[in-house]
């Protein structure tokens, strides 16, 4: 179970710093391969950043590599940064509006637009008491 959990966390990581063997390295779009203990270990494979905590060799290079990979995750200039909840609500509203535009039935169109409005209400904080209670009881185990 521990290996499976570690694999899931590695896949979900924004930036993965890999210190293990090359053949064991997971496939990851923003993986940084590090040759640790470079002051006492044999030279690492090409493409690995040699790092030594003792001599501080390579620390600056590693930090620059992490910063470059992390910068690629940020939205471009003028773009809006959204968290997962916000992006999910915007996607939900967009799908509902799209469905409303495709529906030929006025009742179905009204229902789709109601769903879109509810998603926008949750996005802007105008959600009703029921939505707050659903979120509260959905995330926490409350009991006697």
Protein backbone atom coordinates (compact mmCIF):
# COMPACT_ATOMS: atom_id res chain seq x y z
CA UNK A 1 0.00 0.00 0.00
CA UNK A 2 2.87 2.37 0.78
CA UNK A 3 4.43 1.95 -2.67
CA UNK A 4 1.06 2.53 -4.35
CA UNK A 5 0.45 5.65 -2.28
CA UNK A 6 3.95 6.98 -3.02
CA UNK A 7 3.39 6.38 -6.73
CA UNK A 8 0.10 8.31 -6.68
CA UNK A 9 1.76 11.21 -4.84
CA UNK A 10 4.66 11.26 -7.30
CA UNK A 11 2.23 11.36 -10.26
CA UNK A 12 0.32 14.24 -8.67
CA UNK A 13 3.47 16.27 -7.86
CA UNK A 14 3.92 19.57 -9.64
CA UNK A 15 7.70 19.11 -9.68
CA UNK A 16 9.41 15.79 -8.93
CA UNK A 17 12.99 15.71 -7.65
CA UNK A 18 14.40 12.23 -8.28
CA UNK A 19 17.43 11.02 -6.32
CA UNK A 20 17.07 7.31 -7.09
CA UNK A 21 18.48 5.09 -9.80
CA UNK A 22 17.80 6.05 -13.40
CA UNK A 23 16.04 2.78 -14.26
CA UNK A 24 13.65 3.22 -11.30
CA UNK A 25 12.70 6.81 -12.21
CA UNK A 26 8.99 7.38 -12.82
CA UNK A 27 7.89 9.12 -15.97
CA UNK A 28 7.03 12.70 -15.03
CA UNK A 29 6.90 15.82 -17.23
CA UNK A 30 8.72 18.03 -14.70
CA UNK A 31 11.17 15.54 -13.16
CA UNK A 32 14.56 16.80 -12.05
CA UNK A 33 17.22 14.09 -11.76
CA UNK A 34 19.71 14.70 -8.95
CA UNK A 35 23.03 13.00 -8.25
CA UNK A 36 23.15 13.27 -4.45
CA UNK A 37 26.32 13.10 -2.34
CA UNK A 38 28.35 14.13 -5.35
CA UNK A 39 31.31 14.92 -3.06
CA UNK A 40 31.74 11.22 -2.11
CA UNK A 41 29.87 9.21 -4.75
CA UNK A 42 31.03 8.19 -8.21
CA UNK A 43 30.03 10.58 -11.01
CA UNK A 44 26.37 10.34 -11.94
CA UNK A 45 24.79 9.87 -15.33
CA UNK A 46 24.73 12.75 -17.77
CA UNK A 47 21.80 15.10 -17.27
CA UNK A 48 21.70 14.66 -13.48
CA UNK A 49 22.43 17.68 -11.31
CA UNK A 50 25.34 16.85 -8.98
CA UNK A 51 24.50 18.05 -5.46
CA UNK A 52 26.38 17.87 -2.16
CA UNK A 53 24.87 19.01 1.10
CA UNK A 54 28.35 19.04 2.66
CA UNK A 55 30.15 21.22 0.10
CA UNK A 56 26.99 23.01 -1.15
CA UNK A 57 28.00 22.09 -4.71
CA UNK A 58 25.03 22.14 -7.07
CA UNK A 59 22.50 23.59 -4.60
CA UNK A 60 22.17 26.78 -6.64
CA UNK A 61 21.74 24.78 -9.87
CA UNK A 62 19.08 22.59 -8.25
CA UNK A 63 17.16 25.60 -6.97
CA UNK A 64 17.31 27.22 -10.41
CA UNK A 65 15.99 24.03 -12.02
CA UNK A 66 13.12 23.82 -9.50
CA UNK A 67 12.29 27.51 -10.06
CA UNK A 68 12.26 27.03 -13.85
CA UNK A 69 9.95 24.01 -13.65
CA UNK A 70 7.67 25.74 -11.13
CA UNK A 71 7.51 28.87 -13.28
CA UNK A 72 6.13 26.78 -16.14
CA UNK A 73 3.13 25.95 -13.93
CA UNK A 74 2.16 29.57 -13.32
CA UNK A 75 -0.35 31.27 -15.59
CA UNK A 76 1.03 33.63 -18.21
CA UNK A 77 1.01 37.37 -17.79
CA UNK A 78 -2.54 38.70 -17.80
CA UNK A 79 -4.03 35.24 -17.20
CA UNK A 80 -6.17 34.48 -14.17
CA UNK A 81 -4.91 31.96 -11.62
CA UNK A 82 -7.61 29.58 -10.39
CA UNK A 83 -7.56 26.89 -7.74
CA UNK A 84 -9.09 23.48 -8.46
CA UNK A 85 -12.42 24.34 -6.87
CA UNK A 86 -12.78 27.52 -8.91
CA UNK A 87 -11.76 25.81 -12.16
CA UNK A 88 -14.22 22.98 -11.48
CA UNK A 89 -17.08 25.41 -10.87
CA UNK A 90 -16.30 27.39 -14.02
CA UNK A 91 -16.19 24.14 -16.00
CA UNK A 92 -19.51 23.07 -14.47
CA UNK A 93 -21.12 26.41 -15.39
CA UNK A 94 -19.68 26.26 -18.91
CA UNK A 95 -21.05 22.77 -19.51
CA UNK A 96 -24.47 23.81 -18.20
CA UNK A 97 -24.60 26.89 -20.44
CA UNK A 98 -23.50 24.76 -23.40
CA UNK A 99 -26.23 22.23 -22.68
CA UNK A 100 -28.78 25.05 -22.40
CA UNK A 101 -27.79 26.31 -25.84
CA UNK A 102 -28.23 22.88 -27.40
CA UNK A 103 -31.55 22.06 -25.79
CA UNK A 104 -34.65 22.82 -27.80
CA UNK A 105 -37.00 22.38 -24.85
CA UNK A 106 -37.60 25.54 -22.78
CA UNK A 107 -37.97 23.52 -19.57
CA UNK A 108 -34.61 21.77 -20.07
CA UNK A 109 -32.97 25.07 -21.05
CA UNK A 110 -34.25 26.67 -17.84
CA UNK A 111 -32.95 23.76 -15.77
CA UNK A 112 -29.50 23.96 -17.40
CA UNK A 113 -29.36 27.71 -16.79
CA UNK A 114 -30.36 27.12 -13.15
CA UNK A 115 -27.41 24.72 -12.81
CA UNK A 116 -25.09 27.32 -14.35
CA UNK A 117 -26.33 30.02 -11.99
CA UNK A 118 -25.85 27.71 -8.99
CA UNK A 119 -22.25 27.03 -10.05
CA UNK A 120 -21.60 30.78 -10.41
CA UNK A 121 -23.21 31.37 -7.00
CA UNK A 122 -20.86 28.85 -5.40
CA UNK A 123 -17.93 30.43 -7.24
CA UNK A 124 -18.73 33.95 -6.05
CA UNK A 125 -19.74 32.97 -2.53
CA UNK A 126 -23.44 33.63 -3.00
CA UNK A 127 -24.35 30.01 -2.26
CA UNK A 128 -27.34 29.32 -0.09
CA UNK A 129 -27.45 27.75 3.35
CA UNK A 130 -28.10 24.29 1.89
CA UNK A 131 -24.91 24.45 -0.17
CA UNK A 132 -22.88 25.49 2.89
CA UNK A 133 -24.34 22.64 4.95
CA UNK A 134 -23.69 20.14 2.14
CA UNK A 135 -20.06 21.27 1.93
CA UNK A 136 -19.64 21.17 5.71
CA UNK A 137 -21.15 17.72 6.21
CA UNK A 138 -19.46 16.40 3.06
CA UNK A 139 -15.96 17.25 4.30
CA UNK A 140 -16.19 16.63 8.02
CA UNK A 141 -17.42 13.71 10.07
CA UNK A 142 -19.72 15.32 12.59
CA UNK A 143 -21.49 13.19 15.15
CA UNK A 144 -22.37 12.74 18.77
